[in-house]
Structures are given as structure tokens and as C-alpha cells.
PDB file of N, CA and C in Angstrom:
ATOM      1  N   MET A   1     104.479  -8.835 211.851  1.00  0.00           N
ATOM      2  CA  MET A   1     104.738  -7.437 211.665  1.00  0.00           C
ATOM      3  C   MET A   1     104.166  -7.011 210.298  1.00  0.00           C
ATOM      4  N   THR A   2     103.374  -5.929 210.361  1.00  0.00           N
ATOM      5  CA  THR A   2     102.801  -5.434 209.115  1.00  0.00           C
ATOM      6  C   THR A   2     103.592  -4.247 208.576  1.00  0.00           C
ATOM      7  N   ALA A   3     103.638  -4.227 207.265  1.00  0.00           N
ATOM      8  CA  ALA A   3     104.316  -3.129 206.607  1.00  0.00           C
ATOM      9  C   ALA A   3     103.340  -2.006 206.313  1.00  0.00           C
ATOM     10  N   HIS A   4     103.733  -0.819 206.560  1.00  0.00           N
ATOM     11  CA  HIS A   4     102.902   0.367 206.299  1.00  0.00           C
ATOM     12  C   HIS A   4     103.591   1.228 205.220  1.00  0.00           C
ATOM     13  N   GLN A   5     102.787   1.610 204.292  1.00  0.00           N
ATOM     14  CA  GLN A   5     103.338   2.508 203.234  1.00  0.00           C
ATOM     15  C   GLN A   5     102.912   3.949 203.546  1.00  0.00           C
ATOM     16  N   LEU A   6     103.929   4.826 203.519  1.00  0.00           N
ATOM     17  CA  LEU A   6     103.652   6.226 203.742  1.00  0.00           C
ATOM     18  C   LEU A   6     103.368   6.919 202.439  1.00  0.00           C
ATOM     19  N   SER A   7     102.423   7.807 202.507  1.00  0.00           N
ATOM     20  CA  SER A   7     102.165   8.571 201.286  1.00  0.00           C
ATOM     21  C   SER A   7     102.239  10.030 201.636  1.00  0.00           C
ATOM     22  N   MET A   8     102.591  10.865 200.724  1.00  0.00           N
ATOM     23  CA  MET A   8     102.720  12.291 200.930  1.00  0.00           C
ATOM     24  C   MET A   8     101.402  12.946 200.499  1.00  0.00           C
ATOM     25  N   TYR A   9     100.958  13.828 201.337  1.00  0.00           N
ATOM     26  CA  TYR A   9      99.794  14.671 200.967  1.00  0.00           C
ATOM     27  C   TYR A   9     100.284  16.133 200.915  1.00  0.00           C
ATOM     28  N   LEU A  10     100.251  16.698 199.751  1.00  0.00           N
ATOM     29  CA  LEU A  10     100.719  18.063 199.617  1.00  0.00           C
ATOM     30  C   LEU A  10      99.515  18.976 199.715  1.00  0.00           C
ATOM     31  N   VAL A  11      99.658  19.893 200.652  1.00  0.00           N
ATOM     32  CA  VAL A  11      98.592  20.897 200.895  1.00  0.00           C
ATOM     33  C   VAL A  11      98.851  22.051 199.901  1.00  0.00           C
ATOM     34  N   PRO A  12      97.831  22.403 199.207  1.00  0.00           N
ATOM     35  CA  PRO A  12      97.995  23.524 198.225  1.00  0.00           C
ATOM     36  C   PRO A  12      98.321  24.843 198.980  1.00  0.00           C
ATOM     37  N   ARG A  13      99.209  25.634 198.391  1.00  0.00           N
ATOM     38  CA  ARG A  13      99.591  26.874 198.971  1.00  0.00           C
ATOM     39  C   ARG A  13      98.440  27.857 198.921  1.00  0.00           C
ATOM     40  N   VAL A  14      98.187  28.500 200.036  1.00  0.00           N
ATOM     41  CA  VAL A  14      97.086  29.463 200.145  1.00  0.00           C
ATOM     42  C   VAL A  14      97.617  30.775 199.643  1.00  0.00           C
ATOM     43  N   PRO A  15      97.100  31.297 198.589  1.00  0.00           N
ATOM     44  CA  PRO A  15      97.550  32.565 198.080  1.00  0.00           C
ATOM     45  C   PRO A  15      97.298  33.728 199.043  1.00  0.00           C
ATOM     46  N   LYS A  16      98.278  34.629 199.190  1.00  0.00           N
ATOM     47  CA  LYS A  16      98.008  35.820 199.956  1.00  0.00           C
ATOM     48  C   LYS A  16      97.227  36.791 199.144  1.00  0.00           C
ATOM     49  N   SER A  17      96.456  37.631 199.807  1.00  0.00           N
ATOM     50  CA  SER A  17      95.725  38.618 199.036  1.00  0.00           C
ATOM     51  C   SER A  17      96.680  39.731 198.578  1.00  0.00           C
ATOM     52  N   MET A  18      96.334  40.304 197.510  1.00  0.00           N
ATOM     53  CA  MET A  18      97.155  41.399 196.944  1.00  0.00           C
ATOM     54  C   MET A  18      97.008  42.606 197.864  1.00  0.00           C
ATOM     55  N   PRO A  19      98.128  43.246 198.165  1.00  0.00           N
ATOM     56  CA  PRO A  19      98.057  44.472 198.975  1.00  0.00           C
ATOM     57  C   PRO A  19      97.264  45.576 198.238  1.00  0.00           C
ATOM     58  N   ALA A  20      96.634  46.423 198.991  1.00  0.00           N
ATOM     59  CA  ALA A  20      95.961  47.533 198.379  1.00  0.00           C
ATOM     60  C   ALA A  20      96.145  48.774 199.329  1.00  0.00           C
ATOM     61  N   ILE A  21      96.302  49.895 198.762  1.00  0.00           N
ATOM     62  CA  ILE A  21      96.422  51.132 199.541  1.00  0.00           C
ATOM     63  C   ILE A  21      95.076  51.512 200.071  1.00  0.00           C
ATOM     64  N   ASP A  22      94.777  51.033 201.292  1.00  0.00           N
ATOM     65  CA  ASP A  22      93.459  51.182 201.888  1.00  0.00           C
ATOM     66  C   ASP A  22      93.417  52.122 203.037  1.00  0.00           C
ATOM     67  N   GLY A  23      94.537  52.634 203.534  1.00  0.00           N
ATOM     68  CA  GLY A  23      94.555  53.527 204.658  1.00  0.00           C
ATOM     69  C   GLY A  23      94.519  52.790 205.987  1.00  0.00           C
ATOM     70  N   THR A  24      94.315  51.494 205.976  1.00  0.00           N
ATOM     71  CA  THR A  24      94.286  50.662 207.220  1.00  0.00           C
ATOM     72  C   THR A  24      95.516  49.870 207.355  1.00  0.00           C
ATOM     73  N   HIS A  25      95.869  49.052 206.351  1.00  0.00           N
ATOM     74  CA  HIS A  25      97.040  48.209 206.395  1.00  0.00           C
ATOM     75  C   HIS A  25      98.180  48.800 205.546  1.00  0.00           C
ATOM     76  N   TRP A  26      97.810  49.485 204.493  1.00  0.00           N
ATOM     77  CA  TRP A  26      98.782  50.133 203.601  1.00  0.00           C
ATOM     78  C   TRP A  26      98.447  51.603 203.479  1.00  0.00           C
ATOM     79  N   LEU A  27      99.467  52.457 203.659  1.00  0.00           N
ATOM     80  CA  LEU A  27      99.245  53.868 203.707  1.00  0.00           C
ATOM     81  C   LEU A  27      99.809  54.539 202.409  1.00  0.00           C
ATOM     82  N   ASP A  28      99.149  55.547 201.896  1.00  0.00           N
ATOM     83  CA  ASP A  28      99.553  56.169 200.662  1.00  0.00           C
ATOM     84  C   ASP A  28     100.704  57.177 200.894  1.00  0.00           C
ATOM     85  N   VAL A  29     101.829  56.950 200.257  1.00  0.00           N
ATOM     86  CA  VAL A  29     102.949  57.865 200.286  1.00  0.00           C
ATOM     87  C   VAL A  29     103.387  58.232 198.860  1.00  0.00           C
ATOM     88  N   SER A  30     102.388  58.235 197.938  1.00  0.00           N
ATOM     89  CA  SER A  30     102.639  58.521 196.525  1.00  0.00           C
ATOM     90  C   SER A  30     103.298  59.883 196.295  1.00  0.00           C
ATOM     91  N   ALA A  31     102.837  60.868 197.048  1.00  0.00           N
ATOM     92  CA  ALA A  31     103.462  62.202 196.850  1.00  0.00           C
ATOM     93  C   ALA A  31     104.936  62.224 197.138  1.00  0.00           C
ATOM     94  N   ALA A  32     105.348  61.634 198.181  1.00  0.00           N
ATOM     95  CA  ALA A  32     106.812  61.568 198.491  1.00  0.00           C
ATOM     96  C   ALA A  32     107.543  60.637 197.472  1.00  0.00           C
ATOM     97  N   ALA A  33     106.897  59.567 197.106  1.00  0.00           N
ATOM     98  CA  ALA A  33     107.503  58.616 196.182  1.00  0.00           C
ATOM     99  C   ALA A  33     107.692  59.131 194.787  1.00  0.00           C
ATOM    100  N   GLN A  34     106.757  59.990 194.338  1.00  0.00           N
ATOM    101  CA  GLN A  34     106.886  60.521 193.026  1.00  0.00           C
ATOM    102  C   GLN A  34     108.095  61.466 192.852  1.00  0.00           C
ATOM    103  N   GLY A  35     108.418  62.174 193.935  1.00  0.00           N
ATOM    104  CA  GLY A  35     109.606  62.998 193.943  1.00  0.00           C
ATOM    105  C   GLY A  35     110.898  62.258 193.804  1.00  0.00           C
ATOM    106  N   ILE A  36     110.875  60.986 194.137  1.00  0.00           N
ATOM    107  CA  ILE A  36     112.075  60.138 194.072  1.00  0.00           C
ATOM    108  C   ILE A  36     112.161  59.408 192.722  1.00  0.00           C
ATOM    109  N   GLY A  37     110.979  59.172 192.058  1.00  0.00           N
ATOM    110  CA  GLY A  37     111.003  58.522 190.773  1.00  0.00           C
ATOM    111  C   GLY A  37     109.979  57.478 190.573  1.00  0.00           C
ATOM    112  N   PHE A  38     109.227  57.111 191.607  1.00  0.00           N
ATOM    113  CA  PHE A  38     108.127  56.136 191.448  1.00  0.00           C
ATOM    114  C   PHE A  38     107.026  56.792 190.582  1.00  0.00           C
ATOM    115  N   THR A  39     106.558  56.046 189.599  1.00  0.00           N
ATOM    116  CA  THR A  39     105.528  56.582 188.701  1.00  0.00           C
ATOM    117  C   THR A  39     104.148  56.079 189.050  1.00  0.00           C
ATOM    118  N   ALA A  40     104.029  54.979 189.732  1.00  0.00           N
ATOM    119  CA  ALA A  40     102.751  54.424 190.138  1.00  0.00           C
ATOM    120  C   ALA A  40     102.421  54.805 191.578  1.00  0.00           C
ATOM    121  N   PRO A  41     101.136  54.758 191.934  1.00  0.00           N
ATOM    122  CA  PRO A  41     100.791  54.987 193.353  1.00  0.00           C
ATOM    123  C   PRO A  41     101.643  54.066 194.248  1.00  0.00           C
ATOM    124  N   THR A  42     102.068  54.623 195.387  1.00  0.00           N
ATOM    125  CA  THR A  42     102.983  53.850 196.265  1.00  0.00           C
ATOM    126  C   THR A  42     102.477  53.866 197.677  1.00  0.00           C
ATOM    127  N   GLY A  43     102.552  52.711 198.317  1.00  0.00           N
ATOM    128  CA  GLY A  43     102.078  52.558 199.659  1.00  0.00           C
ATOM    129  C   GLY A  43     103.149  51.922 200.558  1.00  0.00           C
ATOM    130  N   ILE A  44     103.099  52.265 201.839  1.00  0.00           N
ATOM    131  CA  ILE A  44     103.937  51.639 202.823  1.00  0.00           C
ATOM    132  C   ILE A  44     103.066  50.947 203.846  1.00  0.00           C
ATOM    133  N   SER A  45     103.547  49.878 204.494  1.00  0.00           N
ATOM    134  CA  SER A  45     102.746  49.169 205.475  1.00  0.00           C
ATOM    135  C   SER A  45     102.673  50.005 206.753  1.00  0.00           C
ATOM    136  N   VAL A  46     101.679  49.755 207.524  1.00  0.00           N
ATOM    137  CA  VAL A  46     101.544  50.415 208.817  1.00  0.00           C
ATOM    138  C   VAL A  46     102.708  50.034 209.747  1.00  0.00           C
ATOM    139  N   ALA A  47     103.122  48.744 209.644  1.00  0.00           N
ATOM    140  CA  ALA A  47     104.284  48.303 210.524  1.00  0.00           C
ATOM    141  C   ALA A  47     105.538  49.041 210.157  1.00  0.00           C
ATOM    142  N   LEU A  48     105.767  49.333 208.856  1.00  0.00           N
ATOM    143  CA  LEU A  48     106.952  50.092 208.493  1.00  0.00           C
ATOM    144  C   LEU A  48     106.827  51.495 208.978  1.00  0.00           C
ATOM    145  N   ARG A  49     105.674  52.105 208.787  1.00  0.00           N
ATOM    146  CA  ARG A  49     105.476  53.489 209.310  1.00  0.00           C
ATOM    147  C   ARG A  49     105.780  53.546 210.784  1.00  0.00           C
ATOM    148  N   ASP A  50     105.272  52.589 211.520  1.00  0.00           N
ATOM    149  CA  ASP A  50     105.529  52.552 212.998  1.00  0.00           C
ATOM    150  C   ASP A  50     107.011  52.378 213.322  1.00  0.00           C
ATOM    151  N   ALA A  51     107.697  51.612 212.569  1.00  0.00           N
ATOM    152  CA  ALA A  51     109.126  51.389 212.770  1.00  0.00           C
ATOM    153  C   ALA A  51     109.932  52.683 212.471  1.00  0.00           C
ATOM    154  N   LEU A  52     109.474  53.455 211.525  1.00  0.00           N
ATOM    155  CA  LEU A  52     110.191  54.674 211.129  1.00  0.00           C
ATOM    156  C   LEU A  52     109.830  55.881 212.006  1.00  0.00           C
ATOM    157  N   GLU A  53     108.730  55.799 212.693  1.00  0.00           N
ATOM    158  CA  GLU A  53     108.265  56.931 213.548  1.00  0.00           C
ATOM    159  C   GLU A  53     109.325  57.219 214.595  1.00  0.00           C
ATOM    160  N   PRO A  54     109.511  58.510 214.857  1.00  0.00           N
ATOM    161  CA  PRO A  54     110.460  58.897 215.912  1.00  0.00           C
ATOM    162  C   PRO A  54     109.934  58.605 217.320  1.00  0.00           C
ATOM    163  N   ASP A  55     110.796  58.320 218.245  1.00  0.00           N
ATOM    164  CA  ASP A  55     110.428  58.178 219.623  1.00  0.00           C
ATOM    165  C   ASP A  55     109.986  59.544 220.200  1.00  0.00           C
ATOM    166  N   ASP A  56     109.501  59.569 221.389  1.00  0.00           N
ATOM    167  CA  ASP A  56     108.977  60.801 221.947  1.00  0.00           C
ATOM    168  C   ASP A  56     110.022  61.906 222.016  1.00  0.00           C
ATOM    169  N   PHE A  57     111.300  61.571 222.200  1.00  0.00           N
ATOM    170  CA  PHE A  57     112.324  62.577 222.391  1.00  0.00           C
ATOM    171  C   PHE A  57     113.068  62.961 221.086  1.00  0.00           C
ATOM    172  N   GLU A  58     112.718  62.228 219.988  1.00  0.00           N
ATOM    173  CA  GLU A  58     113.367  62.523 218.670  1.00  0.00           C
ATOM    174  C   GLU A  58     112.618  63.677 217.961  1.00  0.00           C
ATOM    175  N   GLU A  59     113.271  64.205 217.031  1.00  0.00           N
ATOM    176  CA  GLU A  59     112.653  65.342 216.276  1.00  0.00           C
ATOM    177  C   GLU A  59     111.616  64.807 215.331  1.00  0.00           C
ATOM    178  N   ASP A  60     110.633  65.708 214.998  1.00  0.00           N
ATOM    179  CA  ASP A  60     109.521  65.233 214.188  1.00  0.00           C
ATOM    180  C   ASP A  60     110.014  65.001 212.726  1.00  0.00           C
ATOM    181  N   GLY A  61     111.002  65.690 212.268  1.00  0.00           N
ATOM    182  CA  GLY A  61     111.510  65.532 210.925  1.00  0.00           C
ATOM    183  C   GLY A  61     112.192  64.203 210.641  1.00  0.00           C
ATOM    184  N   ASP A  62     112.503  63.450 211.724  1.00  0.00           N
ATOM    185  CA  ASP A  62     113.205  62.171 211.543  1.00  0.00           C
ATOM    186  C   ASP A  62     112.358  61.186 210.722  1.00  0.00           C
ATOM    187  N   TYR A  63     111.060  61.212 210.892  1.00  0.00           N
ATOM    188  CA  TYR A  63     110.184  60.250 210.136  1.00  0.00           C
ATOM    189  C   TYR A  63     110.280  60.560 208.649  1.00  0.00           C
ATOM    190  N   GLU A  64     110.129  61.827 208.246  1.00  0.00           N
ATOM    191  CA  GLU A  64     110.159  62.189 206.848  1.00  0.00           C
ATOM    192  C   GLU A  64     111.467  61.820 206.219  1.00  0.00           C
ATOM    193  N   GLN A  65     112.591  62.036 206.918  1.00  0.00           N
ATOM    194  CA  GLN A  65     113.897  61.681 206.381  1.00  0.00           C
ATOM    195  C   GLN A  65     114.067  60.203 206.253  1.00  0.00           C
ATOM    196  N   ARG A  66     113.610  59.431 207.231  1.00  0.00           N
ATOM    197  CA  ARG A  66     113.748  57.981 207.169  1.00  0.00           C
ATOM    198  C   ARG A  66     112.875  57.411 206.019  1.00  0.00           C
ATOM    199  N   LEU A  67     111.643  57.960 205.888  1.00  0.00           N
ATOM    200  CA  LEU A  67     110.737  57.554 204.805  1.00  0.00           C
ATOM    201  C   LEU A  67     111.416  57.870 203.467  1.00  0.00           C
ATOM    202  N   TYR A  68     111.939  59.047 203.321  1.00  0.00           N
ATOM    203  CA  TYR A  68     112.598  59.437 202.062  1.00  0.00           C
ATOM    204  C   TYR A  68     113.755  58.475 201.771  1.00  0.00           C
ATOM    205  N   ASP A  69     114.549  58.220 202.757  1.00  0.00           N
ATOM    206  CA  ASP A  69     115.738  57.318 202.559  1.00  0.00           C
ATOM    207  C   ASP A  69     115.303  55.897 202.172  1.00  0.00           C
ATOM    208  N   ALA A  70     114.268  55.383 202.844  1.00  0.00           N
ATOM    209  CA  ALA A  70     113.773  54.028 202.494  1.00  0.00           C
ATOM    210  C   ALA A  70     113.214  53.934 201.076  1.00  0.00           C
ATOM    211  N   LEU A  71     112.372  54.995 200.719  1.00  0.00           N
ATOM    212  CA  LEU A  71     111.858  55.062 199.336  1.00  0.00           C
ATOM    213  C   LEU A  71     112.940  55.213 198.290  1.00  0.00           C
ATOM    214  N   TRP A  72     113.950  56.026 198.640  1.00  0.00           N
ATOM    215  CA  TRP A  72     115.080  56.280 197.658  1.00  0.00           C
ATOM    216  C   TRP A  72     115.802  54.957 197.458  1.00  0.00           C
ATOM    217  N   LEU A  73     116.116  54.248 198.537  1.00  0.00           N
ATOM    218  CA  LEU A  73     116.856  52.964 198.418  1.00  0.00           C
ATOM    219  C   LEU A  73     116.023  51.958 197.635  1.00  0.00           C
ATOM    220  N   ALA A  74     114.702  51.869 197.902  1.00  0.00           N
ATOM    221  CA  ALA A  74     113.872  50.928 197.133  1.00  0.00           C
ATOM    222  C   ALA A  74     113.902  51.301 195.682  1.00  0.00           C
ATOM    223  N   HIS A  75     113.757  52.553 195.357  1.00  0.00           N
ATOM    224  CA  HIS A  75     113.737  52.964 193.920  1.00  0.00           C
ATOM    225  C   HIS A  75     115.098  52.645 193.297  1.00  0.00           C
ATOM    226  N   PHE A  76     116.227  52.889 194.026  1.00  0.00           N
ATOM    227  CA  PHE A  76     117.543  52.599 193.537  1.00  0.00           C
ATOM    228  C   PHE A  76     117.700  51.120 193.247  1.00  0.00           C
ATOM    229  N   LYS A  77     117.243  50.252 194.177  1.00  0.00           N
ATOM    230  CA  LYS A  77     117.358  48.814 193.995  1.00  0.00           C
ATOM    231  C   LYS A  77     116.556  48.378 192.735  1.00  0.00           C
ATOM    232  N   PHE A  78     115.351  48.945 192.514  1.00  0.00           N
ATOM    233  CA  PHE A  78     114.571  48.622 191.412  1.00  0.00           C
ATOM    234  C   PHE A  78     115.235  49.105 190.135  1.00  0.00           C
ATOM    235  N   SER A  79     115.914  50.206 190.110  1.00  0.00           N
ATOM    236  CA  SER A  79     116.564  50.697 188.937  1.00  0.00           C
ATOM    237  C   SER A  79     117.783  49.769 188.544  1.00  0.00           C
ATOM    238  N   LEU A  80     118.313  49.078 189.491  1.00  0.00           N
ATOM    239  CA  LEU A  80     119.435  48.163 189.197  1.00  0.00           C
ATOM    240  C   LEU A  80     118.904  46.818 188.661  1.00  0.00           C
ATOM    241  N   ASP A  81     117.836  46.335 189.238  1.00  0.00           N
ATOM    242  CA  ASP A  81     117.277  45.018 188.813  1.00  0.00           C
ATOM    243  C   ASP A  81     115.852  45.216 188.419  1.00  0.00           C
ATOM    244  N   LYS A  82     115.557  44.901 187.198  1.00  0.00           N
ATOM    245  CA  LYS A  82     114.184  45.073 186.659  1.00  0.00           C
ATOM    246  C   LYS A  82     113.344  43.813 187.017  1.00  0.00           C
ATOM    247  N   VAL A  83     112.982  43.733 188.318  1.00  0.00           N
ATOM    248  CA  VAL A  83     112.229  42.605 188.799  1.00  0.00           C
ATOM    249  C   VAL A  83     110.933  43.126 189.433  1.00  0.00           C
ATOM    250  N   ARG A  84     109.989  42.180 189.733  1.00  0.00           N
ATOM    251  CA  ARG A  84     108.737  42.556 190.384  1.00  0.00           C
ATOM    252  C   ARG A  84     108.873  42.848 191.828  1.00  0.00           C
ATOM    253  N   SER A  85     109.830  42.195 192.510  1.00  0.00           N
ATOM    254  CA  SER A  85     110.022  42.453 193.961  1.00  0.00           C
ATOM    255  C   SER A  85     111.444  42.252 194.322  1.00  0.00           C
ATOM    256  N   ILE A  86     111.835  42.937 195.383  1.00  0.00           N
ATOM    257  CA  ILE A  86     113.233  42.858 195.843  1.00  0.00           C
ATOM    258  C   ILE A  86     113.247  43.041 197.352  1.00  0.00           C
ATOM    259  N   THR A  87     114.135  42.389 198.016  1.00  0.00           N
ATOM    260  CA  THR A  87     114.292  42.427 199.479  1.00  0.00           C
ATOM    261  C   THR A  87     115.689  43.040 199.772  1.00  0.00           C
ATOM    262  N   PHE A  88     115.729  43.919 200.764  1.00  0.00           N
ATOM    263  CA  PHE A  88     116.952  44.598 201.087  1.00  0.00           C
ATOM    264  C   PHE A  88     116.994  45.025 202.561  1.00  0.00           C
ATOM    265  N   ASN A  89     118.117  45.375 203.081  1.00  0.00           N
ATOM    266  CA  ASN A  89     118.264  45.865 204.422  1.00  0.00           C
ATOM    267  C   ASN A  89     118.250  47.416 204.414  1.00  0.00           C
ATOM    268  N   PHE A  90     117.620  47.984 205.414  1.00  0.00           N
ATOM    269  CA  PHE A  90     117.563  49.448 205.609  1.00  0.00           C
ATOM    270  C   PHE A  90     117.953  49.720 207.008  1.00  0.00           C
ATOM    271  N   THR A  91     119.054  50.519 207.156  1.00  0.00           N
ATOM    272  CA  THR A  91     119.607  50.830 208.465  1.00  0.00           C
ATOM    273  C   THR A  91     119.524  52.329 208.714  1.00  0.00           C
ATOM    274  N   PHE A  92     119.097  52.693 209.898  1.00  0.00           N
ATOM    275  CA  PHE A  92     119.135  54.107 210.316  1.00  0.00           C
ATOM    276  C   PHE A  92     119.494  54.185 211.787  1.00  0.00           C
ATOM    277  N   THR A  93     119.856  55.375 212.240  1.00  0.00           N
ATOM    278  CA  THR A  93     120.213  55.556 213.674  1.00  0.00           C
ATOM    279  C   THR A  93     119.085  56.124 214.430  1.00  0.00           C
ATOM    280  N   ARG A  94     119.025  55.769 215.694  1.00  0.00           N
ATOM    281  CA  ARG A  94     117.999  56.264 216.635  1.00  0.00           C
ATOM    282  C   ARG A  94     118.718  56.587 217.928  1.00  0.00           C
ATOM    283  N   GLU A  95     118.479  57.743 218.460  1.00  0.00           N
ATOM    284  CA  GLU A  95     119.112  58.122 219.719  1.00  0.00           C
ATOM    285  C   GLU A  95     118.446  57.447 220.926  1.00  0.00           C
ATOM    286  N   HIS A  96     119.293  56.889 221.772  1.00  0.00           N
ATOM    287  CA  HIS A  96     118.778  56.287 222.998  1.00  0.00           C
ATOM    288  C   HIS A  96     118.278  57.356 223.956  1.00  0.00           C
ATOM    289  N   SER A  97     117.101  57.131 224.549  1.00  0.00           N
ATOM    290  CA  SER A  97     116.430  58.201 225.352  1.00  0.00           C
ATOM    291  C   SER A  97     117.219  58.524 226.611  1.00  0.00           C
ATOM    292  N   ILE A  98     117.918  57.595 227.249  1.00  0.00           N
ATOM    293  CA  ILE A  98     118.606  57.888 228.515  1.00  0.00           C
ATOM    294  C   ILE A  98     120.091  58.233 228.273  1.00  0.00           C
ATOM    295  N   SER A  99     120.792  57.379 227.530  1.00  0.00           N
ATOM    296  CA  SER A  99     122.224  57.576 227.423  1.00  0.00           C
ATOM    297  C   SER A  99     122.558  58.630 226.313  1.00  0.00           C
ATOM    298  N   GLY A 100     121.668  58.836 225.391  1.00  0.00           N
ATOM    299  CA  GLY A 100     121.923  59.773 224.314  1.00  0.00           C
ATOM    300  C   GLY A 100     122.781  59.161 223.209  1.00  0.00           C
ATOM    301  N   LYS A 101     123.158  57.869 223.355  1.00  0.00           N
ATOM    302  CA  LYS A 101     123.985  57.247 222.343  1.00  0.00           C
ATOM    303  C   LYS A 101     123.147  56.896 221.105  1.00  0.00           C
ATOM    304  N   LEU A 102     123.789  56.844 219.962  1.00  0.00           N
ATOM    305  CA  LEU A 102     123.123  56.523 218.723  1.00  0.00           C
ATOM    306  C   LEU A 102     123.102  54.995 218.562  1.00  0.00           C
ATOM    307  N   ASN A 103     121.947  54.426 218.359  1.00  0.00           N
ATOM    308  CA  ASN A 103     121.859  52.989 218.106  1.00  0.00           C
ATOM    309  C   ASN A 103     121.431  52.737 216.640  1.00  0.00           C
ATOM    310  N   GLU A 104     121.964  51.734 216.016  1.00  0.00           N
ATOM    311  CA  GLU A 104     121.553  51.419 214.705  1.00  0.00           C
ATOM    312  C   GLU A 104     120.303  50.523 214.711  1.00  0.00           C
ATOM    313  N   VAL A 105     119.356  50.861 213.888  1.00  0.00           N
ATOM    314  CA  VAL A 105     118.149  50.076 213.666  1.00  0.00           C
ATOM    315  C   VAL A 105     118.222  49.471 212.304  1.00  0.00           C
ATOM    316  N   ASN A 106     118.166  48.191 212.202  1.00  0.00           N
ATOM    317  CA  ASN A 106     118.277  47.483 210.889  1.00  0.00           C
ATOM    318  C   ASN A 106     116.906  46.825 210.618  1.00  0.00           C
ATOM    319  N   LEU A 107     116.320  47.187 209.499  1.00  0.00           N
ATOM    320  CA  LEU A 107     115.045  46.626 209.065  1.00  0.00           C
ATOM    321  C   LEU A 107     115.255  45.859 207.773  1.00  0.00           C
ATOM    322  N   ARG A 108     114.567  44.694 207.676  1.00  0.00           N
ATOM    323  CA  ARG A 108     114.544  43.934 206.409  1.00  0.00           C
ATOM    324  C   ARG A 108     113.347  44.318 205.694  1.00  0.00           C
ATOM    325  N   LEU A 109     113.477  45.009 204.561  1.00  0.00           N
ATOM    326  CA  LEU A 109     112.379  45.534 203.768  1.00  0.00           C
ATOM    327  C   LEU A 109     112.155  44.806 202.476  1.00  0.00           C
ATOM    328  N   ARG A 110     110.941  44.844 201.992  1.00  0.00           N
ATOM    329  CA  ARG A 110     110.569  44.289 200.679  1.00  0.00           C
ATOM    330  C   ARG A 110     109.787  45.337 199.934  1.00  0.00           C
ATOM    331  N   VAL A 111     110.058  45.451 198.661  1.00  0.00           N
ATOM    332  CA  VAL A 111     109.279  46.310 197.824  1.00  0.00           C
ATOM    333  C   VAL A 111     108.753  45.512 196.646  1.00  0.00           C
ATOM    334  N   GLU A 112     107.479  45.609 196.305  1.00  0.00           N
ATOM    335  CA  GLU A 112     106.865  44.836 195.242  1.00  0.00           C
ATOM    336  C   GLU A 112     106.154  45.806 194.286  1.00  0.00           C
ATOM    337  N   ARG A 113     106.277  45.492 192.997  1.00  0.00           N
ATOM    338  CA  ARG A 113     105.534  46.198 191.988  1.00  0.00           C
ATOM    339  C   ARG A 113     104.384  45.359 191.577  1.00  0.00           C
ATOM    340  N   GLN A 114     103.196  45.870 191.702  1.00  0.00           N
ATOM    341  CA  GLN A 114     101.955  45.180 191.248  1.00  0.00           C
ATOM    342  C   GLN A 114     101.593  45.829 189.916  1.00  0.00           C
ATOM    343  N   GLU A 115     100.468  45.485 189.361  1.00  0.00           N
ATOM    344  CA  GLU A 115     100.059  46.046 188.067  1.00  0.00           C
ATOM    345  C   GLU A 115      99.833  47.601 188.138  1.00  0.00           C
ATOM    346  N   GLN A 116      99.236  48.010 189.246  1.00  0.00           N
ATOM    347  CA  GLN A 116      98.869  49.462 189.305  1.00  0.00           C
ATOM    348  C   GLN A 116      99.578  50.194 190.405  1.00  0.00           C
ATOM    349  N   ALA A 117     100.410  49.585 191.237  1.00  0.00           N
ATOM    350  CA  ALA A 117     100.985  50.262 192.410  1.00  0.00           C
ATOM    351  C   ALA A 117     102.274  49.606 192.848  1.00  0.00           C
ATOM    352  N   ALA A 118     103.003  50.276 193.713  1.00  0.00           N
ATOM    353  CA  ALA A 118     104.201  49.702 194.331  1.00  0.00           C
ATOM    354  C   ALA A 118     103.959  49.707 195.841  1.00  0.00           C
ATOM    355  N   PHE A 119     104.504  48.696 196.569  1.00  0.00           N
ATOM    356  CA  PHE A 119     104.303  48.561 197.984  1.00  0.00           C
ATOM    357  C   PHE A 119     105.613  48.311 198.667  1.00  0.00           C
ATOM    358  N   LEU A 120     105.900  49.065 199.747  1.00  0.00           N
ATOM    359  CA  LEU A 120     107.109  48.892 200.531  1.00  0.00           C
ATOM    360  C   LEU A 120     106.689  48.577 201.945  1.00  0.00           C
ATOM    361  N   GLY A 121     107.303  47.547 202.503  1.00  0.00           N
ATOM    362  CA  GLY A 121     106.961  47.200 203.871  1.00  0.00           C
ATOM    363  C   GLY A 121     108.043  46.255 204.454  1.00  0.00           C
ATOM    364  N   LEU A 122     107.826  45.912 205.739  1.00  0.00           N
ATOM    365  CA  LEU A 122     108.674  44.956 206.347  1.00  0.00           C
ATOM    366  C   LEU A 122     108.516  43.552 205.693  1.00  0.00           C
ATOM    367  N   LEU A 123     109.487  42.742 205.751  1.00  0.00           N
ATOM    368  CA  LEU A 123     109.453  41.456 205.072  1.00  0.00           C
ATOM    369  C   LEU A 123     108.216  40.682 205.496  1.00  0.00           C
ATOM    370  N   LEU A 124     107.802  40.808 206.776  1.00  0.00           N
ATOM    371  CA  LEU A 124     106.670  40.031 207.284  1.00  0.00           C
ATOM    372  C   LEU A 124     105.339  40.538 206.786  1.00  0.00           C
ATOM    373  N   ASP A 125     105.297  41.702 206.210  1.00  0.00           N
ATOM    374  CA  ASP A 125     104.068  42.312 205.705  1.00  0.00           C
ATOM    375  C   ASP A 125     103.526  41.705 204.423  1.00  0.00           C
ATOM    376  N   PHE A 126     104.364  40.872 203.814  1.00  0.00           N
ATOM    377  CA  PHE A 126     103.991  40.308 202.503  1.00  0.00           C
ATOM    378  C   PHE A 126     103.640  38.855 202.602  1.00  0.00           C
TER     379      PHE A 126
END
């Protein structure tokens, strides 16, 4: 019987690219964010925008209110903890199309401060 020695090979971590407000993956919401207190250009991910969008039967103003609420909560969390990034839950209600009942939608969001901008998106966007 031969003895085999196992050795560990550590694969270097592949760095993710820095997000950029490009209009394709990250959308500019700086105008809304400045009214809340963000001082740098601010972007949200396309996936977050899609999650906040109202369904066909919901009112158009629902998106703006949800965006405002998510940005407000992100700014509030940053004001409590002076860190580069923070993860938090964001919950809002959405009316069911058939029954009319309100359902809670819970999103896990992350907000990051880069050198020149802030980015808010779903946890998987980072």
C-alpha cells in the first residue's frame, strides 16, 4: 500500500469589476438620491429596478415610492454606520392581481460607496 500526500491548491480570488453607472447594468438615480441626502452620483441595478417596478394592475407611482423608500433606508443605514458597504432587508407590499390581497415582498439589498459614486442593488448584483 502506498501513502499519498494531499496538498492544497488555493485558487486566487477573481476580483469583480467595479460597478459603473452605465445605463445598461446600473441606472442613474442621482436626482432622487440627492433629495434624500446622497452627495455622490448614485446608481441602482437593473435587477432592483425590475423588482421595484409595479405590476400591470398597480399604480405608476408605486415605483417612485418604492425607490424613494429603498434609497431613504440605504442612506439611513449609512448614517448609522460609517462603512463602505452595508446589507439590509427592504420590504414593501404588492397587491395580488386576482385576489386583491396585499403580499409582502422582501428584498435583500446592498449599498456600496465607491470613490466617486454609491450603488444600490440586490445582494446578487455585487
